[in-house]
Amino acid sequence: MTRRRSRRTGARISSSPRNELMTPKSSVAFVAILAVIATASPAHAANKEHQQLMADLRMLQEQSQLLQNLIGTVTDALKAVNTRLDQQAETNRRSFADQKLVIDNLTSDVRVIREKLDDNNVRIGSLTQEVDSLRQSMQQLSVRPAGTPDPDGAAGVSTPAPGGGSPGGGPPAGPAVGVSPQKLLETAKSDYSIGQYDLAIIGFSEYIRSFPKSDMADDAQVNICNAYYQDAKYQQAVDACDLAIRLYPTGDKLPEAYYRKGLALSQLKDVNAARAMWEELVKRFPNSQEATLAAQGLERLKRP
């Protein structure tokens, strides 16, 4: 009995699913399962697409952050460049202002110099006229024969001889009328300074003739020696220096006369006489500037 029931029951059980699959409820459930399975794939695909979009978004955010950092760096660099440009512009403005100030000062100095030059030109013109007048006076005195009265009607002034004596051994002539010692000496020095050595010699000689007792007479005689030397008339220079040494043995220009005579002798190739003159200079006036120059000249003479 038991086995039969079991078999029947089993038969019922085994036949039951078939009957249930065939019911409307089971069909609906099956369709729902299929629908879930069918919709599961699109949902999964949508999820992957969402993840990809999120990854792309994160990448874009990172790139945007990098761009922001780069823009910040470029902005800082531009600020630094602008700061340097502003500093350079300020430096240039200051430099330009300083240069403008210098140019203005130079312009002012040039204007002052131009005014002084104009004033000096006026003075030179006036002095030139005076020098020309004095030169004409000296030339007239040089060519006027002895005993000829001067043009102003004053007592005749004979032409003095070199060295302070008048022709014929008479007493020294007095100063020329209307010519001051200072003017006469300055005119001769002016001629010497511009290379008019012949006129300078005439002027210095006239000064010595007119003012033989002057303290500057020895200067004038030594300047005659210098003028002859500068004019390459070395023998006349030697003679003029000899005259200075003989006439003014205590003059302050005596060392210069010794030195200049030595130079003239060396130009004449009279080495022994030049050496003797310079040795005497060093011996007599060891502390003078000319003694130093003479010592240097002696060293030069030792060279072959």
C-alpha atoms as a PDB file:
ATOM      1  CA  MET A   1       0.000   0.000   0.000  1.00  0.00           C
ATOM      2  CA  THR A   2       2.758   2.341   0.894  1.00  0.00           C
ATOM      3  CA  ARG A   3       4.718   1.787  -2.273  1.00  0.00           C
ATOM      4  CA  ARG A   4       1.702   2.343  -4.404  1.00  0.00           C
ATOM      5  CA  ARG A   5       1.042   5.662  -2.743  1.00  0.00           C
ATOM      6  CA  SER A   6       4.608   6.643  -3.219  1.00  0.00           C
ATOM      7  CA  ARG A   7       4.552   5.831  -6.827  1.00  0.00           C
ATOM      8  CA  ARG A   8       1.364   7.699  -7.286  1.00  0.00           C
ATOM      9  CA  THR A   9       2.698  10.612  -5.404  1.00  0.00           C
ATOM     10  CA  GLY A  10       5.887  10.547  -7.422  1.00  0.00           C
ATOM     11  CA  ALA A  11       3.890  10.353 -10.504  1.00  0.00           C
ATOM     12  CA  ARG A  12       2.033  13.360  -9.479  1.00  0.00           C
ATOM     13  CA  ILE A  13       5.177  15.183  -8.568  1.00  0.00           C
ATOM     14  CA  SER A  14       6.920  14.379 -11.796  1.00  0.00           C
ATOM     15  CA  SER A  15       3.965  15.345 -13.825  1.00  0.00           C
ATOM     16  CA  SER A  16       3.297  18.506 -11.885  1.00  0.00           C
ATOM     17  CA  PRO A  17       6.009  20.810 -13.488  1.00  0.00           C
ATOM     18  CA  ARG A  18       4.863  20.077 -16.908  1.00  0.00           C
ATOM     19  CA  ASN A  19       1.423  21.031 -15.932  1.00  0.00           C
ATOM     20  CA  GLU A  20       2.690  24.206 -14.184  1.00  0.00           C
ATOM     21  CA  LEU A  21       4.766  25.331 -17.217  1.00  0.00           C
ATOM     22  CA  MET A  22       1.809  25.236 -19.198  1.00  0.00           C
ATOM     23  CA  THR A  23      -0.134  27.551 -16.892  1.00  0.00           C
ATOM     24  CA  PRO A  24      -0.542  31.261 -17.681  1.00  0.00           C
ATOM     25  CA  LYS A  25       1.231  32.342 -14.504  1.00  0.00           C
ATOM     26  CA  SER A  26       4.324  30.382 -15.322  1.00  0.00           C
ATOM     27  CA  SER A  27       4.359  31.852 -18.804  1.00  0.00           C
ATOM     28  CA  VAL A  28       4.221  35.374 -17.452  1.00  0.00           C
ATOM     29  CA  ALA A  29       7.062  34.655 -15.062  1.00  0.00           C
ATOM     30  CA  PHE A  30       9.137  33.216 -17.827  1.00  0.00           C
ATOM     31  CA  VAL A  31       8.556  36.233 -19.997  1.00  0.00           C
ATOM     32  CA  ALA A  32       9.510  38.511 -17.101  1.00  0.00           C
ATOM     33  CA  ILE A  33      12.726  36.626 -16.564  1.00  0.00           C
ATOM     34  CA  LEU A  34      13.540  36.881 -20.222  1.00  0.00           C
ATOM     35  CA  ALA A  35      12.783  40.600 -20.101  1.00  0.00           C
ATOM     36  CA  VAL A  36      15.094  41.054 -17.131  1.00  0.00           C
ATOM     37  CA  ILE A  37      17.799  39.122 -18.906  1.00  0.00           C
ATOM     38  CA  ALA A  38      17.218  41.099 -22.060  1.00  0.00           C
ATOM     39  CA  THR A  39      17.384  44.446 -20.264  1.00  0.00           C
ATOM     40  CA  ALA A  40      20.437  43.489 -18.185  1.00  0.00           C
ATOM     41  CA  SER A  41      22.850  43.829 -21.145  1.00  0.00           C
ATOM     42  CA  PRO A  42      21.855  47.427 -22.097  1.00  0.00           C
ATOM     43  CA  ALA A  43      22.075  48.481 -18.460  1.00  0.00           C
ATOM     44  CA  HIS A  44      25.546  47.013 -18.189  1.00  0.00           C
ATOM     45  CA  ALA A  45      26.589  48.747 -21.397  1.00  0.00           C
ATOM     46  CA  ALA A  46      25.165  52.019 -20.131  1.00  0.00           C
ATOM     47  CA  ASN A  47      27.124  51.601 -16.913  1.00  0.00           C
ATOM     48  CA  LYS A  48      30.374  51.072 -18.844  1.00  0.00           C
ATOM     49  CA  GLU A  49      29.658  54.132 -20.962  1.00  0.00           C
ATOM     50  CA  HIS A  50      28.993  56.119 -17.801  1.00  0.00           C
ATOM     51  CA  GLN A  51      32.282  54.968 -16.324  1.00  0.00           C
ATOM     52  CA  GLN A  52      34.113  55.914 -19.532  1.00  0.00           C
ATOM     53  CA  LEU A  53      32.497  59.338 -19.474  1.00  0.00           C
ATOM     54  CA  MET A  54      33.515  59.801 -15.866  1.00  0.00           C
ATOM     55  CA  ALA A  55      37.092  58.795 -16.720  1.00  0.00           C
ATOM     56  CA  ASP A  56      37.113  61.241 -19.632  1.00  0.00           C
ATOM     57  CA  LEU A  57      35.704  63.925 -17.360  1.00  0.00           C
ATOM     58  CA  ARG A  58      38.432  63.311 -14.792  1.00  0.00           C
ATOM     59  CA  MET A  59      41.050  63.487 -17.546  1.00  0.00           C
ATOM     60  CA  LEU A  60      39.574  66.747 -18.793  1.00  0.00           C
ATOM     61  CA  GLN A  61      39.580  68.083 -15.252  1.00  0.00           C
ATOM     62  CA  GLU A  62      43.245  67.127 -14.843  1.00  0.00           C
ATOM     63  CA  GLN A  63      44.117  68.731 -18.188  1.00  0.00           C
ATOM     64  CA  SER A  64      42.146  71.811 -17.214  1.00  0.00           C
ATOM     65  CA  GLN A  65      44.076  71.979 -13.953  1.00  0.00           C
ATOM     66  CA  LEU A  66      47.355  71.667 -15.856  1.00  0.00           C
ATOM     67  CA  LEU A  67      46.252  74.444 -18.185  1.00  0.00           C
ATOM     68  CA  GLN A  68      45.303  76.590 -15.216  1.00  0.00           C
ATOM     69  CA  ASN A  69      48.741  75.997 -13.674  1.00  0.00           C
ATOM     70  CA  LEU A  70      50.424  76.786 -16.995  1.00  0.00           C
ATOM     71  CA  ILE A  71      48.360  79.951 -17.380  1.00  0.00           C
ATOM     72  CA  GLY A  72      49.318  80.953 -13.847  1.00  0.00           C
ATOM     73  CA  THR A  73      52.996  80.385 -14.621  1.00  0.00           C
ATOM     74  CA  VAL A  74      52.748  82.397 -17.844  1.00  0.00           C
ATOM     75  CA  THR A  75      50.883  85.141 -16.003  1.00  0.00           C
ATOM     76  CA  ASP A  76      53.594  85.324 -13.349  1.00  0.00           C
ATOM     77  CA  ALA A  77      56.256  85.424 -16.058  1.00  0.00           C
ATOM     78  CA  LEU A  78      54.395  88.226 -17.837  1.00  0.00           C
ATOM     79  CA  LYS A  79      54.132  90.129 -14.576  1.00  0.00           C
ATOM     80  CA  ALA A  80      57.878  89.720 -14.024  1.00  0.00           C
ATOM     81  CA  VAL A  81      58.575  90.874 -17.596  1.00  0.00           C
ATOM     82  CA  ASN A  82      56.276  93.856 -17.162  1.00  0.00           C
ATOM     83  CA  THR A  83      58.008  94.702 -13.898  1.00  0.00           C
ATOM     84  CA  ARG A  84      61.416  94.544 -15.569  1.00  0.00           C
ATOM     85  CA  LEU A  85      60.137  96.613 -18.476  1.00  0.00           C
ATOM     86  CA  ASP A  86      58.782  99.207 -16.067  1.00  0.00           C
ATOM     87  CA  GLN A  87      62.096  99.280 -14.212  1.00  0.00           C
ATOM     88  CA  GLN A  88      64.013  99.566 -17.488  1.00  0.00           C
ATOM     89  CA  ALA A  89      61.701 102.310 -18.670  1.00  0.00           C
ATOM     90  CA  GLU A  90      62.201 104.165 -15.397  1.00  0.00           C
ATOM     91  CA  THR A  91      65.963 103.714 -15.699  1.00  0.00           C
ATOM     92  CA  ASN A  92      65.836 104.958 -19.282  1.00  0.00           C
ATOM     93  CA  ARG A  93      63.771 107.953 -18.241  1.00  0.00           C
ATOM     94  CA  ARG A  94      66.245 108.809 -15.508  1.00  0.00           C
ATOM     95  CA  SER A  95      69.188 108.284 -17.855  1.00  0.00           C
ATOM     96  CA  PHE A  96      67.534 110.447 -20.470  1.00  0.00           C
ATOM     97  CA  ALA A  97      66.873 113.109 -17.865  1.00  0.00           C
ATOM     98  CA  ASP A  98      70.504 112.962 -16.729  1.00  0.00           C
ATOM     99  CA  GLN A  99      71.745 113.128 -20.319  1.00  0.00           C
ATOM    100  CA  LYS A 100      69.440 116.021 -21.046  1.00  0.00           C
ATOM    101  CA  LEU A 101      70.786 117.804 -17.983  1.00  0.00           C
ATOM    102  CA  VAL A 102      74.355 117.167 -19.139  1.00  0.00           C
ATOM    103  CA  ILE A 103      73.513 118.404 -22.638  1.00  0.00           C
ATOM    104  CA  ASP A 104      71.866 121.491 -21.200  1.00  0.00           C
ATOM    105  CA  ASN A 105      74.933 122.150 -19.057  1.00  0.00           C
ATOM    106  CA  LEU A 106      77.216 121.630 -22.051  1.00  0.00           C
ATOM    107  CA  THR A 107      75.076 123.952 -24.114  1.00  0.00           C
ATOM    108  CA  SER A 108      75.311 126.560 -21.394  1.00  0.00           C
ATOM    109  CA  ASP A 109      79.073 126.057 -21.147  1.00  0.00           C
ATOM    110  CA  VAL A 110      79.438 126.344 -24.919  1.00  0.00           C
ATOM    111  CA  ARG A 111      77.439 129.547 -24.860  1.00  0.00           C
ATOM    112  CA  VAL A 112      79.647 130.954 -22.105  1.00  0.00           C
ATOM    113  CA  ILE A 113      82.781 129.873 -23.988  1.00  0.00           C
ATOM    114  CA  ARG A 114      81.468 131.443 -27.179  1.00  0.00           C
ATOM    115  CA  GLU A 115      80.820 134.678 -25.335  1.00  0.00           C
ATOM    116  CA  LYS A 116      84.307 134.576 -23.854  1.00  0.00           C
ATOM    117  CA  LEU A 117      85.774 133.842 -27.282  1.00  0.00           C
ATOM    118  CA  ASP A 118      83.936 136.794 -28.726  1.00  0.00           C
ATOM    119  CA  ASP A 119      85.250 138.963 -25.915  1.00  0.00           C
ATOM    120  CA  ASN A 120      88.755 137.586 -26.428  1.00  0.00           C
ATOM    121  CA  ASN A 121      88.508 138.241 -30.154  1.00  0.00           C
ATOM    122  CA  VAL A 122      87.661 141.847 -29.405  1.00  0.00           C
ATOM    123  CA  ARG A 123      90.600 142.077 -27.011  1.00  0.00           C
ATOM    124  CA  ILE A 124      92.916 140.375 -29.487  1.00  0.00           C
ATOM    125  CA  GLY A 125      91.840 142.810 -32.164  1.00  0.00           C
ATOM    126  CA  SER A 126      92.621 145.704 -29.864  1.00  0.00           C
ATOM    127  CA  LEU A 127      95.960 144.202 -28.841  1.00  0.00           C
ATOM    128  CA  THR A 128      96.800 143.502 -32.474  1.00  0.00           C
ATOM    129  CA  GLN A 129      96.327 147.135 -33.289  1.00  0.00           C
ATOM    130  CA  GLU A 130      98.585 148.104 -30.394  1.00  0.00           C
ATOM    131  CA  VAL A 131     101.195 145.538 -31.449  1.00  0.00           C
ATOM    132  CA  ASP A 132     101.132 146.800 -35.025  1.00  0.00           C
ATOM    133  CA  SER A 133     101.551 150.341 -33.774  1.00  0.00           C
ATOM    134  CA  LEU A 134     104.471 149.348 -31.543  1.00  0.00           C
ATOM    135  CA  ARG A 135     106.054 147.309 -34.331  1.00  0.00           C
ATOM    136  CA  GLN A 136     105.896 150.274 -36.664  1.00  0.00           C
ATOM    137  CA  SER A 137     107.464 152.423 -33.965  1.00  0.00           C
ATOM    138  CA  MET A 138     110.285 149.912 -33.461  1.00  0.00           C
ATOM    139  CA  GLN A 139     110.898 149.606 -37.178  1.00  0.00           C
ATOM    140  CA  GLN A 140     111.077 153.377 -37.459  1.00  0.00           C
ATOM    141  CA  LEU A 141     113.524 153.462 -34.549  1.00  0.00           C
ATOM    142  CA  SER A 142     115.593 150.703 -36.159  1.00  0.00           C
ATOM    143  CA  VAL A 143     115.927 152.410 -39.548  1.00  0.00           C
ATOM    144  CA  ARG A 144     116.170 156.032 -38.339  1.00  0.00           C
ATOM    145  CA  PRO A 145     119.765 157.275 -38.709  1.00  0.00           C
ATOM    146  CA  ALA A 146     121.647 158.607 -35.721  1.00  0.00           C
ATOM    147  CA  GLY A 147     120.766 162.127 -34.691  1.00  0.00           C
ATOM    148  CA  THR A 148     117.462 162.188 -36.617  1.00  0.00           C
ATOM    149  CA  PRO A 149     114.734 163.842 -34.545  1.00  0.00           C
ATOM    150  CA  ASP A 150     111.700 161.738 -33.874  1.00  0.00           C
ATOM    151  CA  PRO A 151     108.404 162.523 -35.652  1.00  0.00           C
ATOM    152  CA  ASP A 152     106.831 164.097 -32.572  1.00  0.00           C
ATOM    153  CA  GLY A 153     109.340 166.944 -32.594  1.00  0.00           C
ATOM    154  CA  ALA A 154     111.102 165.828 -29.451  1.00  0.00           C
ATOM    155  CA  ALA A 155     114.828 166.038 -29.093  1.00  0.00           C
ATOM    156  CA  GLY A 156     116.619 163.620 -31.359  1.00  0.00           C
ATOM    157  CA  VAL A 157     117.163 160.142 -30.058  1.00  0.00           C
ATOM    158  CA  SER A 158     120.074 158.454 -31.754  1.00  0.00           C
ATOM    159  CA  THR A 159     119.774 154.813 -32.679  1.00  0.00           C
ATOM    160  CA  PRO A 160     121.373 152.867 -29.822  1.00  0.00           C
ATOM    161  CA  ALA A 161     123.952 150.240 -30.495  1.00  0.00           C
ATOM    162  CA  PRO A 162     123.615 146.620 -29.320  1.00  0.00           C
ATOM    163  CA  GLY A 163     124.629 146.023 -25.734  1.00  0.00           C
ATOM    164  CA  GLY A 164     123.371 149.380 -24.518  1.00  0.00           C
ATOM    165  CA  GLY A 165     125.946 151.712 -26.170  1.00  0.00           C
ATOM    166  CA  SER A 166     125.201 154.341 -28.790  1.00  0.00           C
ATOM    167  CA  PRO A 167     127.157 154.662 -32.053  1.00  0.00           C
ATOM    168  CA  GLY A 168     130.521 156.316 -31.546  1.00  0.00           C
ATOM    169  CA  GLY A 169     130.796 155.125 -27.960  1.00  0.00           C
ATOM    170  CA  GLY A 170     128.447 157.767 -26.539  1.00  0.00           C
ATOM    171  CA  PRO A 171     126.269 157.185 -23.501  1.00  0.00           C
ATOM    172  CA  PRO A 172     123.358 154.754 -23.780  1.00  0.00           C
ATOM    173  CA  ALA A 173     120.271 156.132 -25.442  1.00  0.00           C
ATOM    174  CA  GLY A 174     117.208 156.753 -23.340  1.00  0.00           C
ATOM    175  CA  PRO A 175     113.857 155.056 -23.874  1.00  0.00           C
ATOM    176  CA  ALA A 176     111.956 155.818 -27.060  1.00  0.00           C
ATOM    177  CA  VAL A 177     109.345 158.501 -26.618  1.00  0.00           C
ATOM    178  CA  GLY A 178     105.809 157.075 -26.253  1.00  0.00           C
ATOM    179  CA  VAL A 179     106.925 153.446 -25.795  1.00  0.00           C
ATOM    180  CA  SER A 180     106.715 151.906 -22.330  1.00  0.00           C
ATOM    181  CA  PRO A 181     109.154 149.165 -21.290  1.00  0.00           C
ATOM    182  CA  GLN A 182     106.338 146.721 -20.575  1.00  0.00           C
ATOM    183  CA  LYS A 183     104.671 147.277 -23.947  1.00  0.00           C
ATOM    184  CA  LEU A 184     107.944 146.897 -25.783  1.00  0.00           C
ATOM    185  CA  LEU A 185     108.796 143.657 -23.981  1.00  0.00           C
ATOM    186  CA  GLU A 186     105.302 142.210 -24.370  1.00  0.00           C
ATOM    187  CA  THR A 187     105.333 142.960 -28.091  1.00  0.00           C
ATOM    188  CA  ALA A 188     108.655 141.165 -28.521  1.00  0.00           C
ATOM    189  CA  LYS A 189     107.415 138.178 -26.517  1.00  0.00           C
ATOM    190  CA  SER A 190     104.238 138.100 -28.592  1.00  0.00           C
ATOM    191  CA  ASP A 191     106.283 137.974 -31.789  1.00  0.00           C
ATOM    192  CA  TYR A 192     108.406 135.196 -30.293  1.00  0.00           C
ATOM    193  CA  SER A 193     105.356 133.141 -29.280  1.00  0.00           C
ATOM    194  CA  ILE A 194     103.916 133.183 -32.821  1.00  0.00           C
ATOM    195  CA  GLY A 195     107.216 132.317 -34.470  1.00  0.00           C
ATOM    196  CA  GLN A 196     108.090 135.792 -35.732  1.00  0.00           C
ATOM    197  CA  TYR A 197     111.656 135.381 -34.527  1.00  0.00           C
ATOM    198  CA  ASP A 198     113.174 138.187 -36.611  1.00  0.00           C
ATOM    199  CA  LEU A 199     110.684 140.703 -35.222  1.00  0.00           C
ATOM    200  CA  ALA A 200     111.154 139.274 -31.739  1.00  0.00           C
ATOM    201  CA  ILE A 201     114.921 139.775 -31.982  1.00  0.00           C
ATOM    202  CA  ILE A 202     114.363 143.359 -33.122  1.00  0.00           C
ATOM    203  CA  GLY A 203     111.988 143.943 -30.216  1.00  0.00           C
ATOM    204  CA  PHE A 204     114.260 142.441 -27.569  1.00  0.00           C
ATOM    205  CA  SER A 205     117.257 144.312 -28.964  1.00  0.00           C
ATOM    206  CA  GLU A 206     115.305 147.568 -28.934  1.00  0.00           C
ATOM    207  CA  TYR A 207     114.288 146.905 -25.349  1.00  0.00           C
ATOM    208  CA  ILE A 208     117.929 146.414 -24.325  1.00  0.00           C
ATOM    209  CA  ARG A 209     118.978 149.555 -26.179  1.00  0.00           C
ATOM    210  CA  SER A 210     116.151 151.615 -24.701  1.00  0.00           C
ATOM    211  CA  PHE A 211     116.259 150.224 -21.167  1.00  0.00           C
ATOM    212  CA  PRO A 212     119.772 148.859 -20.578  1.00  0.00           C
ATOM    213  CA  LYS A 213     119.517 149.190 -16.797  1.00  0.00           C
ATOM    214  CA  SER A 214     116.205 147.355 -16.562  1.00  0.00           C
ATOM    215  CA  ASP A 215     115.958 144.226 -14.440  1.00  0.00           C
ATOM    216  CA  MET A 216     114.562 142.474 -17.509  1.00  0.00           C
ATOM    217  CA  ALA A 217     117.477 143.325 -19.782  1.00  0.00           C
ATOM    218  CA  ASP A 218     119.167 139.976 -19.147  1.00  0.00           C
ATOM    219  CA  ASP A 219     115.863 138.204 -19.897  1.00  0.00           C
ATOM    220  CA  ALA A 220     115.652 140.051 -23.197  1.00  0.00           C
ATOM    221  CA  GLN A 221     119.221 139.092 -24.125  1.00  0.00           C
ATOM    222  CA  VAL A 222     118.630 135.410 -23.336  1.00  0.00           C
ATOM    223  CA  ASN A 223     115.393 135.560 -25.332  1.00  0.00           C
ATOM    224  CA  ILE A 224     117.428 136.820 -28.283  1.00  0.00           C
ATOM    225  CA  CYS A 225     119.574 133.712 -27.904  1.00  0.00           C
ATOM    226  CA  ASN A 226     116.437 131.532 -27.760  1.00  0.00           C
ATOM    227  CA  ALA A 227     114.945 133.215 -30.828  1.00  0.00           C
ATOM    228  CA  TYR A 228     118.092 132.599 -32.864  1.00  0.00           C
ATOM    229  CA  TYR A 229     118.111 128.971 -31.723  1.00  0.00           C
ATOM    230  CA  GLN A 230     114.445 128.435 -32.597  1.00  0.00           C
ATOM    231  CA  ASP A 231     115.116 129.993 -36.002  1.00  0.00           C
ATOM    232  CA  ALA A 232     117.914 127.431 -36.521  1.00  0.00           C
ATOM    233  CA  LYS A 233     120.559 130.177 -36.556  1.00  0.00           C
ATOM    234  CA  TYR A 234     122.833 128.341 -34.179  1.00  0.00           C
ATOM    235  CA  GLN A 235     126.005 130.424 -34.530  1.00  0.00           C
ATOM    236  CA  GLN A 236     124.046 133.643 -33.857  1.00  0.00           C
ATOM    237  CA  ALA A 237     122.502 131.866 -30.870  1.00  0.00           C
ATOM    238  CA  VAL A 238     125.976 131.051 -29.523  1.00  0.00           C
ATOM    239  CA  ASP A 239     127.067 134.675 -29.959  1.00  0.00           C
ATOM    240  CA  ALA A 240     123.907 135.990 -28.269  1.00  0.00           C
ATOM    241  CA  CYS A 241     124.387 133.613 -25.331  1.00  0.00           C
ATOM    242  CA  ASP A 242     128.029 134.684 -25.002  1.00  0.00           C
ATOM    243  CA  LEU A 243     126.835 138.279 -24.839  1.00  0.00           C
ATOM    244  CA  ALA A 244     124.318 137.417 -22.114  1.00  0.00           C
ATOM    245  CA  ILE A 245     126.983 135.607 -20.086  1.00  0.00           C
ATOM    246  CA  ARG A 246     129.441 138.486 -20.468  1.00  0.00           C
ATOM    247  CA  LEU A 247     127.046 141.404 -19.873  1.00  0.00           C
ATOM    248  CA  TYR A 248     124.885 139.874 -17.125  1.00  0.00           C
ATOM    249  CA  PRO A 249     127.139 137.603 -15.025  1.00  0.00           C
ATOM    250  CA  THR A 250     124.831 137.908 -12.016  1.00  0.00           C
ATOM    251  CA  GLY A 251     121.507 137.715 -13.847  1.00  0.00           C
ATOM    252  CA  ASP A 252     118.938 135.104 -12.957  1.00  0.00           C
ATOM    253  CA  LYS A 253     118.862 133.953 -16.589  1.00  0.00           C
ATOM    254  CA  LEU A 254     122.539 132.996 -16.610  1.00  0.00           C
ATOM    255  CA  PRO A 255     121.897 129.206 -16.225  1.00  0.00           C
ATOM    256  CA  GLU A 256     119.517 129.329 -19.179  1.00  0.00           C
ATOM    257  CA  ALA A 257     122.159 131.125 -21.260  1.00  0.00           C
ATOM    258  CA  TYR A 258     124.685 128.375 -20.463  1.00  0.00           C
ATOM    259  CA  TYR A 259     122.208 125.625 -21.323  1.00  0.00           C
ATOM    260  CA  ARG A 260     121.009 127.245 -24.554  1.00  0.00           C
ATOM    261  CA  LYS A 261     124.589 127.854 -25.678  1.00  0.00           C
ATOM    262  CA  GLY A 262     125.351 124.169 -25.092  1.00  0.00           C
ATOM    263  CA  LEU A 263     122.346 123.202 -27.217  1.00  0.00           C
ATOM    264  CA  ALA A 264     123.444 125.495 -30.027  1.00  0.00           C
ATOM    265  CA  LEU A 265     126.989 124.115 -29.902  1.00  0.00           C
ATOM    266  CA  SER A 266     125.686 120.543 -30.046  1.00  0.00           C
ATOM    267  CA  GLN A 267     123.652 121.483 -33.134  1.00  0.00           C
ATOM    268  CA  LEU A 268     126.863 122.844 -34.662  1.00  0.00           C
ATOM    269  CA  LYS A 269     128.458 119.427 -33.939  1.00  0.00           C
ATOM    270  CA  ASP A 270     130.941 121.048 -31.558  1.00  0.00           C
ATOM    271  CA  VAL A 271     130.526 118.289 -29.016  1.00  0.00           C
ATOM    272  CA  ASN A 272     133.538 119.166 -26.871  1.00  0.00           C
ATOM    273  CA  ALA A 273     132.471 122.800 -26.476  1.00  0.00           C
ATOM    274  CA  ALA A 274     128.904 121.729 -25.676  1.00  0.00           C
ATOM    275  CA  ARG A 275     130.181 119.270 -23.062  1.00  0.00           C
ATOM    276  CA  ALA A 276     132.402 121.936 -21.475  1.00  0.00           C
ATOM    277  CA  MET A 277     129.518 124.415 -21.336  1.00  0.00           C
ATOM    278  CA  TRP A 278     127.141 121.939 -19.683  1.00  0.00           C
ATOM    279  CA  GLU A 279     129.769 120.724 -17.229  1.00  0.00           C
ATOM    280  CA  GLU A 280     130.393 124.315 -16.179  1.00  0.00           C
ATOM    281  CA  LEU A 281     126.643 124.833 -15.784  1.00  0.00           C
ATOM    282  CA  VAL A 282     126.295 121.768 -13.548  1.00  0.00           C
ATOM    283  CA  LYS A 283     129.295 122.898 -11.509  1.00  0.00           C
ATOM    284  CA  ARG A 284     128.220 126.537 -11.040  1.00  0.00           C
ATOM    285  CA  PHE A 285     124.458 126.062 -10.711  1.00  0.00           C
ATOM    286  CA  PRO A 286     123.943 122.485  -9.477  1.00  0.00           C
ATOM    287  CA  ASN A 287     120.484 123.161  -8.028  1.00  0.00           C
ATOM    288  CA  SER A 288     119.013 124.822 -11.086  1.00  0.00           C
ATOM    289  CA  GLN A 289     116.543 123.197 -13.444  1.00  0.00           C
ATOM    290  CA  GLU A 290     118.928 123.884 -16.313  1.00  0.00           C
ATOM    291  CA  ALA A 291     121.614 121.854 -14.489  1.00  0.00           C
ATOM    292  CA  THR A 292     119.284 118.841 -14.561  1.00  0.00           C
ATOM    293  CA  LEU A 293     118.700 119.351 -18.274  1.00  0.00           C
ATOM    294  CA  ALA A 294     122.434 119.783 -18.827  1.00  0.00           C
ATOM    295  CA  ALA A 295     123.146 116.504 -17.020  1.00  0.00           C
ATOM    296  CA  GLN A 296     120.697 114.778 -19.339  1.00  0.00           C
ATOM    297  CA  GLY A 297     122.434 116.422 -22.290  1.00  0.00           C
ATOM    298  CA  LEU A 298     125.796 115.131 -21.083  1.00  0.00           C
ATOM    299  CA  GLU A 299     124.347 111.617 -20.950  1.00  0.00           C
ATOM    300  CA  ARG A 300     123.168 111.984 -24.531  1.00  0.00           C
ATOM    301  CA  LEU A 301     126.638 113.073 -25.618  1.00  0.00           C
ATOM    302  CA  LYS A 302     128.068 109.833 -24.208  1.00  0.00           C
ATOM    303  CA  ARG A 303     125.938 107.749 -26.546  1.00  0.00           C
ATOM    304  CA  PRO A 304     127.537 106.675 -29.818  1.00  0.00           C
END
